[in-house]
C-alpha atoms as a PDB file:
ATOM      1  CA  MET A   1     147.555  47.733 153.274  1.00  0.00           C
ATOM      2  CA  LYS A   2     147.960  48.981 156.786  1.00  0.00           C
ATOM      3  CA  ILE A   3     146.419  52.452 156.866  1.00  0.00           C
ATOM      4  CA  ALA A   4     146.435  54.978 159.687  1.00  0.00           C
ATOM      5  CA  VAL A   5     143.928  57.801 159.696  1.00  0.00           C
ATOM      6  CA  CYS A   6     144.422  60.669 162.144  1.00  0.00           C
ATOM      7  CA  ILE A   7     141.266  62.291 163.456  1.00  0.00           C
ATOM      8  CA  LYS A   8     140.655  65.242 165.735  1.00  0.00           C
ATOM      9  CA  GLN A   9     137.746  66.207 167.930  1.00  0.00           C
ATOM     10  CA  VAL A  10     136.735  69.848 167.415  1.00  0.00           C
ATOM     11  CA  PRO A  11     133.922  72.095 168.702  1.00  0.00           C
ATOM     12  CA  THR A  12     130.737  71.769 166.679  1.00  0.00           C
ATOM     13  CA  ARG A  13     130.207  74.462 164.082  1.00  0.00           C
ATOM     14  CA  GLU A  14     126.756  75.251 165.504  1.00  0.00           C
ATOM     15  CA  TRP A  15     128.169  76.062 168.956  1.00  0.00           C
ATOM     16  CA  GLN A  16     128.737  79.738 169.727  1.00  0.00           C
ATOM     17  CA  PRO A  17     132.345  79.923 171.042  1.00  0.00           C
ATOM     18  CA  ARG A  18     132.912  81.392 174.495  1.00  0.00           C
ATOM     19  CA  LEU A  19     136.407  82.431 175.536  1.00  0.00           C
ATOM     20  CA  ASN A  20     138.042  81.319 178.761  1.00  0.00           C
ATOM     21  CA  GLU A  21     139.053  83.867 181.404  1.00  0.00           C
ATOM     22  CA  ALA A  22     142.595  84.176 180.051  1.00  0.00           C
ATOM     23  CA  LYS A  23     141.207  84.730 176.521  1.00  0.00           C
ATOM     24  CA  SER A  24     143.698  82.143 175.271  1.00  0.00           C
ATOM     25  CA  TRP A  25     141.187  79.466 174.162  1.00  0.00           C
ATOM     26  CA  ILE A  26     137.525  78.571 174.355  1.00  0.00           C
ATOM     27  CA  ARG A  27     135.713  77.398 177.485  1.00  0.00           C
ATOM     28  CA  GLU A  28     136.120  73.692 176.732  1.00  0.00           C
ATOM     29  CA  GLN A  29     133.753  72.608 179.491  1.00  0.00           C
ATOM     30  CA  ASP A  30     130.893  74.482 177.778  1.00  0.00           C
ATOM     31  CA  ALA A  31     131.529  73.235 174.244  1.00  0.00           C
ATOM     32  CA  SER A  32     129.893  70.448 172.283  1.00  0.00           C
ATOM     33  CA  TYR A  33     132.197  68.428 170.042  1.00  0.00           C
ATOM     34  CA  GLU A  34     132.245  66.519 166.762  1.00  0.00           C
ATOM     35  CA  MET A  35     134.704  64.887 164.367  1.00  0.00           C
ATOM     36  CA  ASN A  36     136.767  67.339 162.345  1.00  0.00           C
ATOM     37  CA  GLU A  37     135.123  67.416 158.897  1.00  0.00           C
ATOM     38  CA  PRO A  38     138.290  67.045 156.736  1.00  0.00           C
ATOM     39  CA  ASP A  39     139.315  64.106 158.949  1.00  0.00           C
ATOM     40  CA  ALA A  40     135.949  62.459 158.233  1.00  0.00           C
ATOM     41  CA  TYR A  41     136.808  62.553 154.510  1.00  0.00           C
ATOM     42  CA  ALA A  42     140.246  61.083 155.276  1.00  0.00           C
ATOM     43  CA  LEU A  43     138.539  58.274 157.216  1.00  0.00           C
ATOM     44  CA  GLU A  44     136.160  57.569 154.339  1.00  0.00           C
ATOM     45  CA  GLU A  45     139.056  57.439 151.870  1.00  0.00           C
ATOM     46  CA  SER A  46     140.921  54.988 154.099  1.00  0.00           C
ATOM     47  CA  LEU A  47     137.879  52.714 154.258  1.00  0.00           C
ATOM     48  CA  ARG A  48     137.532  52.766 150.463  1.00  0.00           C
ATOM     49  CA  LEU A  49     141.206  51.911 150.009  1.00  0.00           C
ATOM     50  CA  ARG A  50     140.837  48.987 152.402  1.00  0.00           C
ATOM     51  CA  GLU A  51     137.839  47.737 150.454  1.00  0.00           C
ATOM     52  CA  LYS A  52     139.902  47.801 147.237  1.00  0.00           C
ATOM     53  CA  HIS A  53     143.236  46.525 148.514  1.00  0.00           C
ATOM     54  CA  GLY A  54     142.512  44.749 151.804  1.00  0.00           C
ATOM     55  CA  GLY A  55     144.322  45.324 155.077  1.00  0.00           C
ATOM     56  CA  GLU A  56     143.198  47.322 158.101  1.00  0.00           C
ATOM     57  CA  VAL A  57     142.373  50.893 159.089  1.00  0.00           C
ATOM     58  CA  VAL A  58     143.693  52.171 162.413  1.00  0.00           C
ATOM     59  CA  VAL A  59     142.314  55.396 163.853  1.00  0.00           C
ATOM     60  CA  CYS A  60     144.885  57.559 165.681  1.00  0.00           C
ATOM     61  CA  SER A  61     143.982  60.495 167.891  1.00  0.00           C
ATOM     62  CA  ALA A  62     145.462  62.576 170.710  1.00  0.00           C
ATOM     63  CA  GLY A  63     143.570  64.443 173.394  1.00  0.00           C
ATOM     64  CA  PRO A  64     141.643  64.111 176.665  1.00  0.00           C
ATOM     65  CA  ALA A  65     139.239  61.291 177.511  1.00  0.00           C
ATOM     66  CA  ARG A  66     136.371  63.016 175.659  1.00  0.00           C
ATOM     67  CA  VAL A  67     138.155  62.263 172.349  1.00  0.00           C
ATOM     68  CA  GLN A  68     136.833  58.701 172.592  1.00  0.00           C
ATOM     69  CA  GLN A  69     133.507  60.085 171.341  1.00  0.00           C
ATOM     70  CA  VAL A  70     134.908  60.577 167.821  1.00  0.00           C
ATOM     71  CA  ILE A  71     137.109  57.475 168.064  1.00  0.00           C
ATOM     72  CA  ARG A  72     134.007  55.352 168.699  1.00  0.00           C
ATOM     73  CA  GLU A  73     132.269  57.090 165.815  1.00  0.00           C
ATOM     74  CA  ALA A  74     135.167  56.239 163.487  1.00  0.00           C
ATOM     75  CA  LEU A  75     135.107  52.617 164.638  1.00  0.00           C
ATOM     76  CA  ALA A  76     131.349  52.507 164.044  1.00  0.00           C
ATOM     77  CA  ARG A  77     131.870  53.753 160.497  1.00  0.00           C
ATOM     78  CA  GLY A  78     134.203  50.846 159.807  1.00  0.00           C
ATOM     79  CA  ALA A  79     137.710  51.393 161.187  1.00  0.00           C
ATOM     80  CA  ASP A  80     139.261  48.226 162.639  1.00  0.00           C
ATOM     81  CA  ARG A  81     140.898  49.522 165.819  1.00  0.00           C
ATOM     82  CA  ALA A  82     142.242  52.705 167.384  1.00  0.00           C
ATOM     83  CA  ILE A  83     145.188  54.279 169.178  1.00  0.00           C
ATOM     84  CA  HIS A  84     144.420  57.038 171.683  1.00  0.00           C
ATOM     85  CA  VAL A  85     147.245  59.134 173.149  1.00  0.00           C
ATOM     86  CA  GLU A  86     145.345  60.389 176.173  1.00  0.00           C
ATOM     87  CA  ASP A  87     146.358  63.595 177.908  1.00  0.00           C
ATOM     88  CA  ASP A  88     144.219  66.468 179.175  1.00  0.00           C
ATOM     89  CA  GLY A  89     146.778  68.987 177.946  1.00  0.00           C
ATOM     90  CA  LEU A  90     146.365  67.969 174.301  1.00  0.00           C
ATOM     91  CA  GLY A  91     142.852  69.315 173.852  1.00  0.00           C
ATOM     92  CA  ALA A  92     144.081  72.612 172.417  1.00  0.00           C
ATOM     93  CA  ALA A  93     147.550  71.471 171.336  1.00  0.00           C
ATOM     94  CA  ASP A  94     149.236  73.074 168.334  1.00  0.00           C
ATOM     95  CA  ALA A  95     150.056  70.955 165.280  1.00  0.00           C
ATOM     96  CA  PHE A  96     153.693  70.341 166.235  1.00  0.00           C
ATOM     97  CA  THR A  97     152.769  69.169 169.756  1.00  0.00           C
ATOM     98  CA  ALA A  98     149.965  66.909 168.502  1.00  0.00           C
ATOM     99  CA  ALA A  99     152.350  65.326 165.987  1.00  0.00           C
ATOM    100  CA  ALA A 100     154.975  64.811 168.693  1.00  0.00           C
ATOM    101  CA  ALA A 101     152.340  63.155 170.900  1.00  0.00           C
ATOM    102  CA  LEU A 102     151.352  60.639 168.219  1.00  0.00           C
ATOM    103  CA  VAL A 103     154.625  59.888 166.474  1.00  0.00           C
ATOM    104  CA  GLU A 104     156.061  57.233 168.800  1.00  0.00           C
ATOM    105  CA  ALA A 105     152.796  55.297 169.088  1.00  0.00           C
ATOM    106  CA  MET A 106     152.444  55.329 165.298  1.00  0.00           C
ATOM    107  CA  ARG A 107     156.074  54.608 164.422  1.00  0.00           C
ATOM    108  CA  GLY A 108     155.951  51.150 165.970  1.00  0.00           C
ATOM    109  CA  GLU A 109     152.963  50.192 163.809  1.00  0.00           C
ATOM    110  CA  GLN A 110     154.887  50.630 160.513  1.00  0.00           C
ATOM    111  CA  PHE A 111     151.935  51.909 158.507  1.00  0.00           C
ATOM    112  CA  ASP A 112     151.984  51.729 154.707  1.00  0.00           C
ATOM    113  CA  LEU A 113     149.857  54.858 154.362  1.00  0.00           C
ATOM    114  CA  ILE A 114     148.846  57.649 156.730  1.00  0.00           C
ATOM    115  CA  LEU A 115     145.886  59.914 155.974  1.00  0.00           C
ATOM    116  CA  THR A 116     144.947  63.131 157.741  1.00  0.00           C
ATOM    117  CA  GLY A 117     142.452  65.857 156.997  1.00  0.00           C
ATOM    118  CA  LEU A 118     143.811  68.900 155.204  1.00  0.00           C
ATOM    119  CA  GLN A 119     143.285  71.102 158.263  1.00  0.00           C
ATOM    120  CA  SER A 120     141.304  71.307 161.477  1.00  0.00           C
ATOM    121  CA  ASP A 121     138.082  73.272 161.766  1.00  0.00           C
ATOM    122  CA  ASP A 122     139.159  74.895 165.038  1.00  0.00           C
ATOM    123  CA  GLN A 123     142.739  76.052 164.374  1.00  0.00           C
ATOM    124  CA  GLY A 124     142.952  75.654 160.605  1.00  0.00           C
ATOM    125  CA  HIS A 125     146.745  75.783 160.301  1.00  0.00           C
ATOM    126  CA  ALA A 126     147.088  72.797 157.914  1.00  0.00           C
ATOM    127  CA  GLN A 127     150.422  71.976 159.584  1.00  0.00           C
ATOM    128  CA  PHE A 128     149.730  68.708 161.408  1.00  0.00           C
ATOM    129  CA  GLY A 129     150.108  66.399 158.400  1.00  0.00           C
ATOM    130  CA  PRO A 130     153.469  67.788 157.193  1.00  0.00           C
ATOM    131  CA  ALA A 131     154.790  67.920 160.785  1.00  0.00           C
ATOM    132  CA  LEU A 132     153.849  64.279 161.397  1.00  0.00           C
ATOM    133  CA  ALA A 133     155.383  63.193 158.068  1.00  0.00           C
ATOM    134  CA  ALA A 134     158.636  64.941 158.947  1.00  0.00           C
ATOM    135  CA  LYS A 135     158.768  63.220 162.352  1.00  0.00           C
ATOM    136  CA  LEU A 136     158.011  59.816 160.830  1.00  0.00           C
ATOM    137  CA  GLY A 137     160.523  60.382 158.029  1.00  0.00           C
ATOM    138  CA  VAL A 138     158.075  59.630 155.200  1.00  0.00           C
ATOM    139  CA  PRO A 139     157.229  61.651 152.067  1.00  0.00           C
ATOM    140  CA  HIS A 140     153.987  63.586 152.066  1.00  0.00           C
ATOM    141  CA  SER A 141     151.652  65.400 149.708  1.00  0.00           C
ATOM    142  CA  THR A 142     148.847  67.837 150.535  1.00  0.00           C
ATOM    143  CA  ILE A 143     145.391  68.896 149.329  1.00  0.00           C
ATOM    144  CA  ILE A 144     144.659  65.464 147.843  1.00  0.00           C
ATOM    145  CA  MET A 145     141.538  65.012 145.725  1.00  0.00           C
ATOM    146  CA  GLU A 146     142.141  61.466 144.415  1.00  0.00           C
ATOM    147  CA  VAL A 147     144.196  58.494 145.626  1.00  0.00           C
ATOM    148  CA  GLY A 148     145.301  55.507 143.556  1.00  0.00           C
ATOM    149  CA  VAL A 149     147.499  52.588 144.650  1.00  0.00           C
ATOM    150  CA  ALA A 150     149.285  50.330 142.158  1.00  0.00           C
ATOM    151  CA  ASP A 151     152.502  48.289 142.177  1.00  0.00           C
ATOM    152  CA  GLY A 152     153.462  49.432 145.653  1.00  0.00           C
ATOM    153  CA  ALA A 153     153.243  53.137 144.817  1.00  0.00           C
ATOM    154  CA  LEU A 154     150.752  55.986 145.049  1.00  0.00           C
ATOM    155  CA  LYS A 155     149.380  58.161 142.290  1.00  0.00           C
ATOM    156  CA  VAL A 156     147.584  61.155 143.751  1.00  0.00           C
ATOM    157  CA  LYS A 157     145.739  64.169 142.393  1.00  0.00           C
ATOM    158  CA  ARG A 158     146.482  67.462 144.151  1.00  0.00           C
ATOM    159  CA  GLU A 159     144.285  70.542 144.022  1.00  0.00           C
ATOM    160  CA  LEU A 160     146.156  73.704 143.065  1.00  0.00           C
ATOM    161  CA  GLU A 161     144.989  77.301 142.729  1.00  0.00           C
ATOM    162  CA  GLY A 162     142.864  78.598 139.894  1.00  0.00           C
ATOM    163  CA  GLY A 163     141.175  75.284 139.115  1.00  0.00           C
ATOM    164  CA  TRP A 164     144.442  73.517 138.263  1.00  0.00           C
ATOM    165  CA  PHE A 165     145.442  70.029 139.424  1.00  0.00           C
ATOM    166  CA  GLN A 166     148.735  68.212 139.760  1.00  0.00           C
ATOM    167  CA  TYR A 167     149.313  64.452 139.481  1.00  0.00           C
ATOM    168  CA  VAL A 168     152.110  63.076 141.647  1.00  0.00           C
ATOM    169  CA  THR A 169     153.575  59.565 141.912  1.00  0.00           C
ATOM    170  CA  MET A 170     154.905  58.697 145.359  1.00  0.00           C
ATOM    171  CA  PRO A 171     156.520  55.681 147.038  1.00  0.00           C
ATOM    172  CA  LEU A 172     155.063  53.939 150.051  1.00  0.00           C
ATOM    173  CA  PRO A 173     155.027  54.491 152.976  1.00  0.00           C
ATOM    174  CA  ALA A 174     153.719  58.035 152.664  1.00  0.00           C
ATOM    175  CA  LEU A 175     151.398  60.565 154.276  1.00  0.00           C
ATOM    176  CA  LEU A 176     148.570  62.411 152.509  1.00  0.00           C
ATOM    177  CA  THR A 177     146.381  65.289 153.701  1.00  0.00           C
ATOM    178  CA  ILE A 178     142.869  64.885 152.291  1.00  0.00           C
ATOM    179  CA  GLN A 179     140.716  67.703 150.966  1.00  0.00           C
ATOM    180  CA  SER A 180     137.056  67.860 151.987  1.00  0.00           C
ATOM    181  CA  GLY A 181     134.706  66.684 149.253  1.00  0.00           C
ATOM    182  CA  ILE A 182     137.004  63.965 147.887  1.00  0.00           C
ATOM    183  CA  ASN A 183     134.257  61.382 148.380  1.00  0.00           C
ATOM    184  CA  GLN A 184     130.762  60.783 149.722  1.00  0.00           C
ATOM    185  CA  LEU A 185     130.778  60.187 153.469  1.00  0.00           C
ATOM    186  CA  ARG A 186     129.191  57.086 154.928  1.00  0.00           C
ATOM    187  CA  TYR A 187     127.469  57.123 158.292  1.00  0.00           C
ATOM    188  CA  ALA A 188     127.490  54.642 161.115  1.00  0.00           C
ATOM    189  CA  THR A 189     124.875  51.917 160.969  1.00  0.00           C
ATOM    190  CA  LEU A 190     123.311  50.249 163.996  1.00  0.00           C
ATOM    191  CA  LYS A 191     125.375  47.142 163.209  1.00  0.00           C
ATOM    192  CA  GLY A 192     128.510  49.280 163.056  1.00  0.00           C
ATOM    193  CA  ILE A 193     127.718  50.986 166.359  1.00  0.00           C
ATOM    194  CA  MET A 194     127.269  47.633 168.086  1.00  0.00           C
ATOM    195  CA  ALA A 195     130.458  46.240 166.526  1.00  0.00           C
ATOM    196  CA  ALA A 196     132.445  49.313 167.626  1.00  0.00           C
ATOM    197  CA  LYS A 197     131.891  48.405 171.272  1.00  0.00           C
ATOM    198  CA  LYS A 198     134.057  45.298 170.815  1.00  0.00           C
ATOM    199  CA  LYS A 199     136.880  46.938 168.860  1.00  0.00           C
ATOM    200  CA  GLU A 200     140.212  47.681 170.484  1.00  0.00           C
ATOM    201  CA  ILE A 201     141.153  51.189 171.597  1.00  0.00           C
ATOM    202  CA  ARG A 202     144.782  51.113 172.718  1.00  0.00           C
ATOM    203  CA  LYS A 203     145.453  53.885 175.193  1.00  0.00           C
ATOM    204  CA  VAL A 204     148.961  55.336 175.207  1.00  0.00           C
ATOM    205  CA  ALA A 205     150.377  57.884 177.630  1.00  0.00           C
ATOM    206  CA  ALA A 206     151.672  61.104 176.098  1.00  0.00           C
ATOM    207  CA  PRO A 207     155.479  61.289 175.831  1.00  0.00           C
ATOM    208  CA  ALA A 208     157.225  63.008 178.706  1.00  0.00           C
ATOM    209  CA  GLY A 209     158.465  66.521 178.173  1.00  0.00           C
ATOM    210  CA  LEU A 210     155.924  67.609 175.573  1.00  0.00           C
ATOM    211  CA  ALA A 211     156.091  71.376 175.246  1.00  0.00           C
ATOM    212  CA  ALA A 212     153.901  73.567 173.067  1.00  0.00           C
ATOM    213  CA  LYS A 213     155.686  75.337 170.231  1.00  0.00           C
ATOM    214  CA  GLN A 214     152.871  77.826 169.808  1.00  0.00           C
ATOM    215  CA  GLN A 215     151.479  80.260 172.342  1.00  0.00           C
ATOM    216  CA  VAL A 216     148.127  81.947 171.921  1.00  0.00           C
ATOM    217  CA  VAL A 217     148.521  85.479 173.239  1.00  0.00           C
ATOM    218  CA  ALA A 218     144.875  86.516 172.931  1.00  0.00           C
ATOM    219  CA  LEU A 219     141.648  85.613 171.185  1.00  0.00           C
ATOM    220  CA  TYR A 220     138.705  87.896 170.514  1.00  0.00           C
ATOM    221  CA  ALA A 221     135.435  87.776 168.631  1.00  0.00           C
ATOM    222  CA  PRO A 222     135.397  89.880 165.454  1.00  0.00           C
ATOM    223  CA  GLN A 223     133.463  93.094 165.852  1.00  0.00           C
ATOM    224  CA  LYS A 224     130.496  93.443 163.549  1.00  0.00           C
ATOM    225  CA  SER A 225     130.566  96.720 161.714  1.00  0.00           C
ATOM    226  CA  LYS A 226     128.667  97.956 158.695  1.00  0.00           C
ATOM    227  CA  GLN A 227     127.418 101.321 157.605  1.00  0.00           C
ATOM    228  CA  THR A 228     124.711 102.122 155.110  1.00  0.00           C
ATOM    229  CA  VAL A 229     125.117 105.369 153.195  1.00  0.00           C
ATOM    230  CA  MET A 230     122.223 106.827 151.250  1.00  0.00           C
ATOM    231  CA  ILE A 231     123.246 108.797 148.163  1.00  0.00           C
ATOM    232  CA  GLY A 232     120.758 111.427 147.103  1.00  0.00           C
ATOM    233  CA  GLY A 233     120.252 113.462 143.943  1.00  0.00           C
ATOM    234  CA  THR A 234     119.172 112.499 140.466  1.00  0.00           C
ATOM    235  CA  PRO A 235     120.128 109.070 139.093  1.00  0.00           C
ATOM    236  CA  ALA A 236     123.006 110.624 137.147  1.00  0.00           C
ATOM    237  CA  GLU A 237     124.266 112.529 140.219  1.00  0.00           C
ATOM    238  CA  ALA A 238     123.939 109.470 142.443  1.00  0.00           C
ATOM    239  CA  ALA A 239     125.868 107.339 139.941  1.00  0.00           C
ATOM    240  CA  GLN A 240     128.619 109.931 139.721  1.00  0.00           C
ATOM    241  CA  GLU A 241     128.881 110.138 143.511  1.00  0.00           C
ATOM    242  CA  LEU A 242     128.916 106.331 143.817  1.00  0.00           C
ATOM    243  CA  VAL A 243     131.791 106.064 141.343  1.00  0.00           C
ATOM    244  CA  ARG A 244     133.698 108.741 143.266  1.00  0.00           C
ATOM    245  CA  ARG A 245     133.250 106.922 146.572  1.00  0.00           C
ATOM    246  CA  LEU A 246     134.273 103.587 145.063  1.00  0.00           C
ATOM    247  CA  ARG A 247     137.399 105.182 143.596  1.00  0.00           C
ATOM    248  CA  GLU A 248     138.471 107.506 146.413  1.00  0.00           C
ATOM    249  CA  GLU A 249     137.151 105.828 149.581  1.00  0.00           C
ATOM    250  CA  ALA A 250     136.759 102.117 148.865  1.00  0.00           C
ATOM    251  CA  ARG A 251     139.596 102.185 146.297  1.00  0.00           C
ATOM    252  CA  VAL A 252     138.117  99.349 144.280  1.00  0.00           C
ATOM    253  CA  LEU A 253     138.187 101.176 140.936  1.00  0.00           C
END
């Protein structure tokens, strides 16, 4: 099988975000970065499928030069080679623009299966996978918790609401968005890190005329607000007053 796995570089969760002057995105020059966590699970699933069925795993990513940090990490974990659509303007691209940046470079590869993370930790829209599938003209399924391949077809387990699951049979080629926790992540070994230095990273220029479909008008940090109210009186009076406040003010009863 020829498997593509799309990964994104996102700000680390430990970093305290700082907004740029226009309050339209973070100050990228101040941020520290890591691999998007759901994408790491997609990468692990691709490596396990290759171990079962053979073939190769190709990492695909779009963004500025700094994205090679997570590309090298993916190669060190076991991916065979990578495609990097390099453009400084793609660092904060919306899902539609990122899909448009990758689609031509990926279409020529004729992948059997494409895996992405369910959503990104920075924007969290969960739109990239479906947008890329639509542009590639392949079927897709989301929130995948289990992947099986047999007789040239996929059988996948989707997570639904309320603890329910759905089993879907799909033809190949197809695209799946992988839920975090589907497997146990592996980490790069010293041997893998050394081997990654010799693996191919094919750089591709972003298509001309890319235009964002989403505009961030303003970002702001949520304001912390909490108020402690002491209710006096006897236990019976305090309980009665608490019930009244829950019913009339909080409206939870």
